Amino acid sequence: MKVKYFSDTDTAHIEFTDSEVQETKEISENIYIDIDEKGNLVSMTIEHAKMNAMLSEFSLQEITSKSA
């Protein structure tokens, strides 16, 4: 996964796979998703990201299962 933030436009772009984009769908006025030919999520774009996604702070936490 790749997360890019463009401060000049306050836009966040989250890329989940490198599959070819077949279609872009508008989820809301400021959120768009790109899907591949099978309908799988490729990426997401968030306009006005600081307000809409609270990107003033970003963190990633990986949760692993504990074996008994």
N, C-alpha and C. Protein backbone atom coordinates (compact mmCIF):
# COMPACT_ATOMS: atom_id res chain seq x y z
N MET A 1 0.85 -1.17 0.00
CA MET A 1 0.00 0.00 0.00
C MET A 1 0.89 1.23 0.00
N LYS A 2 0.49 2.23 -0.78
CA LYS A 2 1.21 3.49 -0.84
C LYS A 2 0.23 4.62 -0.51
N VAL A 3 0.67 5.51 0.36
CA VAL A 3 -0.14 6.68 0.71
C VAL A 3 0.64 7.92 0.30
N LYS A 4 0.02 8.76 -0.51
CA LYS A 4 0.64 10.00 -0.94
C LYS A 4 -0.25 11.16 -0.51
N TYR A 5 0.39 12.22 -0.03
CA TYR A 5 -0.35 13.41 0.36
C TYR A 5 0.22 14.60 -0.41
N PHE A 6 -0.65 15.30 -1.12
CA PHE A 6 -0.27 16.46 -1.90
C PHE A 6 -0.72 17.71 -1.15
N SER A 7 0.21 18.36 -0.47
CA SER A 7 -0.13 19.49 0.39
C SER A 7 -0.65 20.69 -0.40
N ASP A 8 -0.18 20.85 -1.64
CA ASP A 8 -0.63 22.01 -2.42
C ASP A 8 -2.11 21.96 -2.77
N THR A 9 -2.68 20.74 -2.85
CA THR A 9 -4.11 20.60 -3.14
C THR A 9 -4.88 19.97 -1.98
N ASP A 10 -4.19 19.63 -0.88
CA ASP A 10 -4.80 18.96 0.27
C ASP A 10 -5.53 17.69 -0.17
N THR A 11 -4.82 16.89 -0.95
CA THR A 11 -5.39 15.66 -1.51
C THR A 11 -4.57 14.46 -1.04
N ALA A 12 -5.26 13.42 -0.60
CA ALA A 12 -4.60 12.16 -0.23
C ALA A 12 -4.95 11.12 -1.28
N HIS A 13 -3.96 10.32 -1.65
CA HIS A 13 -4.16 9.24 -2.60
C HIS A 13 -3.61 7.96 -1.98
N ILE A 14 -4.46 6.97 -1.83
CA ILE A 14 -4.08 5.70 -1.21
C ILE A 14 -4.17 4.63 -2.28
N GLU A 15 -3.03 4.01 -2.58
CA GLU A 15 -2.97 2.99 -3.61
C GLU A 15 -2.85 1.63 -2.93
N PHE A 16 -3.83 0.77 -3.20
CA PHE A 16 -3.86 -0.55 -2.57
C PHE A 16 -3.18 -1.61 -3.43
N THR A 17 -3.34 -1.51 -4.74
CA THR A 17 -2.70 -2.44 -5.68
C THR A 17 -2.21 -1.66 -6.88
N ASP A 18 -1.43 -2.32 -7.72
CA ASP A 18 -0.98 -1.67 -8.94
C ASP A 18 -1.77 -2.14 -10.16
N SER A 19 -2.97 -2.69 -9.92
CA SER A 19 -3.83 -3.14 -11.01
C SER A 19 -4.26 -1.96 -11.87
N GLU A 20 -4.59 -2.25 -13.11
CA GLU A 20 -5.05 -1.20 -14.03
C GLU A 20 -6.46 -0.75 -13.64
N VAL A 21 -6.67 0.54 -13.60
CA VAL A 21 -7.97 1.11 -13.24
C VAL A 21 -8.93 0.98 -14.41
N GLN A 22 -10.08 0.38 -14.14
CA GLN A 22 -11.12 0.22 -15.15
C GLN A 22 -12.15 1.34 -15.05
N GLU A 23 -12.43 1.77 -13.80
CA GLU A 23 -13.48 2.77 -13.59
C GLU A 23 -13.21 3.54 -12.29
N THR A 24 -13.57 4.81 -12.30
CA THR A 24 -13.52 5.64 -11.10
C THR A 24 -14.95 5.95 -10.68
N LYS A 25 -15.24 5.74 -9.40
CA LYS A 25 -16.58 5.99 -8.88
C LYS A 25 -16.52 7.10 -7.84
N GLU A 26 -17.47 8.00 -7.89
CA GLU A 26 -17.58 9.06 -6.89
C GLU A 26 -18.40 8.53 -5.73
N ILE A 27 -17.78 8.46 -4.56
CA ILE A 27 -18.45 7.97 -3.37
C ILE A 27 -19.19 9.12 -2.68
N SER A 28 -18.54 10.28 -2.66
CA SER A 28 -19.15 11.50 -2.15
C SER A 28 -18.49 12.66 -2.89
N GLU A 29 -18.84 13.86 -2.52
CA GLU A 29 -18.30 15.03 -3.21
C GLU A 29 -16.78 15.09 -3.20
N ASN A 30 -16.15 14.52 -2.17
CA ASN A 30 -14.70 14.61 -2.02
C ASN A 30 -13.97 13.28 -1.98
N ILE A 31 -14.67 12.19 -2.22
CA ILE A 31 -14.05 10.86 -2.14
C ILE A 31 -14.34 10.07 -3.40
N TYR A 32 -13.27 9.55 -4.00
CA TYR A 32 -13.37 8.77 -5.23
C TYR A 32 -12.62 7.47 -5.05
N ILE A 33 -13.15 6.39 -5.65
CA ILE A 33 -12.44 5.12 -5.64
C ILE A 33 -12.21 4.67 -7.07
N ASP A 34 -11.09 4.00 -7.27
CA ASP A 34 -10.76 3.39 -8.55
C ASP A 34 -10.88 1.89 -8.39
N ILE A 35 -11.52 1.25 -9.37
CA ILE A 35 -11.70 -0.21 -9.32
C ILE A 35 -11.14 -0.83 -10.60
N ASP A 36 -10.75 -2.10 -10.48
CA ASP A 36 -10.22 -2.81 -11.64
C ASP A 36 -11.37 -3.49 -12.39
N GLU A 37 -11.04 -4.25 -13.41
CA GLU A 37 -12.06 -4.88 -14.25
C GLU A 37 -12.90 -5.93 -13.50
N LYS A 38 -12.38 -6.44 -12.37
CA LYS A 38 -13.12 -7.41 -11.57
C LYS A 38 -13.92 -6.75 -10.45
N GLY A 39 -13.85 -5.42 -10.35
CA GLY A 39 -14.58 -4.70 -9.31
C GLY A 39 -13.82 -4.56 -8.01
N ASN A 40 -12.53 -4.92 -8.01
CA ASN A 40 -11.71 -4.81 -6.80
C ASN A 40 -11.17 -3.39 -6.64
N LEU A 41 -11.02 -2.97 -5.41
CA LEU A 41 -10.51 -1.65 -5.10
C LEU A 41 -9.03 -1.55 -5.48
N VAL A 42 -8.70 -0.51 -6.25
CA VAL A 42 -7.32 -0.26 -6.65
C VAL A 42 -6.75 0.90 -5.82
N SER A 43 -7.52 2.00 -5.75
CA SER A 43 -7.05 3.17 -5.01
C SER A 43 -8.21 4.05 -4.59
N MET A 44 -7.90 5.00 -3.71
CA MET A 44 -8.90 5.95 -3.21
C MET A 44 -8.26 7.33 -3.18
N THR A 45 -9.03 8.32 -3.60
CA THR A 45 -8.58 9.71 -3.56
C THR A 45 -9.51 10.48 -2.63
N ILE A 46 -8.92 11.26 -1.73
CA ILE A 46 -9.69 12.05 -0.77
C ILE A 46 -9.29 13.52 -0.94
N GLU A 47 -10.24 14.32 -1.41
CA GLU A 47 -10.03 15.76 -1.55
C GLU A 47 -10.28 16.42 -0.20
N HIS A 48 -9.64 17.56 0.05
CA HIS A 48 -9.75 18.26 1.35
C HIS A 48 -9.45 17.27 2.48
N ALA A 49 -8.35 16.57 2.34
CA ALA A 49 -8.01 15.43 3.19
C ALA A 49 -7.83 15.78 4.66
N LYS A 50 -7.29 16.94 4.96
CA LYS A 50 -7.09 17.28 6.37
C LYS A 50 -8.41 17.35 7.11
N MET A 51 -9.44 17.84 6.45
CA MET A 51 -10.76 17.94 7.09
C MET A 51 -11.53 16.62 6.98
N ASN A 52 -11.53 16.03 5.79
CA ASN A 52 -12.35 14.84 5.54
C ASN A 52 -11.76 13.55 6.08
N ALA A 53 -10.45 13.48 6.21
CA ALA A 53 -9.82 12.25 6.68
C ALA A 53 -8.97 12.47 7.92
N MET A 54 -9.01 13.67 8.46
CA MET A 54 -8.24 14.02 9.65
C MET A 54 -6.77 13.63 9.49
N LEU A 55 -6.16 14.09 8.40
CA LEU A 55 -4.78 13.71 8.11
C LEU A 55 -3.74 14.57 8.79
N SER A 56 -4.12 15.29 9.81
CA SER A 56 -3.10 16.04 10.55
C SER A 56 -2.14 15.08 11.24
N GLU A 57 -2.61 13.85 11.47
CA GLU A 57 -1.75 12.81 12.04
C GLU A 57 -2.06 11.52 11.32
N PHE A 58 -1.02 10.80 10.90
CA PHE A 58 -1.19 9.54 10.20
C PHE A 58 -0.38 8.47 10.91
N SER A 59 -0.99 7.33 11.13
CA SER A 59 -0.25 6.21 11.71
C SER A 59 -0.74 4.91 11.11
N LEU A 60 0.10 3.92 11.15
CA LEU A 60 -0.22 2.58 10.65
C LEU A 60 0.07 1.60 11.77
N GLN A 61 -0.90 0.76 12.07
CA GLN A 61 -0.71 -0.23 13.11
C GLN A 61 -1.04 -1.59 12.54
N GLU A 62 -0.08 -2.51 12.59
CA GLU A 62 -0.31 -3.86 12.12
C GLU A 62 -0.70 -4.73 13.32
N ILE A 63 -1.82 -5.42 13.19
CA ILE A 63 -2.31 -6.28 14.26
C ILE A 63 -2.07 -7.73 13.80
N THR A 64 -1.35 -8.48 14.60
CA THR A 64 -1.11 -9.89 14.29
C THR A 64 -1.84 -10.75 15.30
N SER A 65 -2.25 -11.91 14.84
CA SER A 65 -2.93 -12.82 15.76
C SER A 65 -1.91 -13.53 16.64
N LYS A 66 -2.32 -13.81 17.84
CA LYS A 66 -1.44 -14.51 18.78
C LYS A 66 -1.78 -15.99 18.75
N SER A 67 -0.76 -16.81 18.58
CA SER A 67 -0.97 -18.26 18.58
C SER A 67 -0.99 -18.77 20.01
N ALA A 68 -1.86 -19.74 20.25
CA ALA A 68 -1.97 -20.31 21.60
C ALA A 68 -0.94 -21.35 21.84
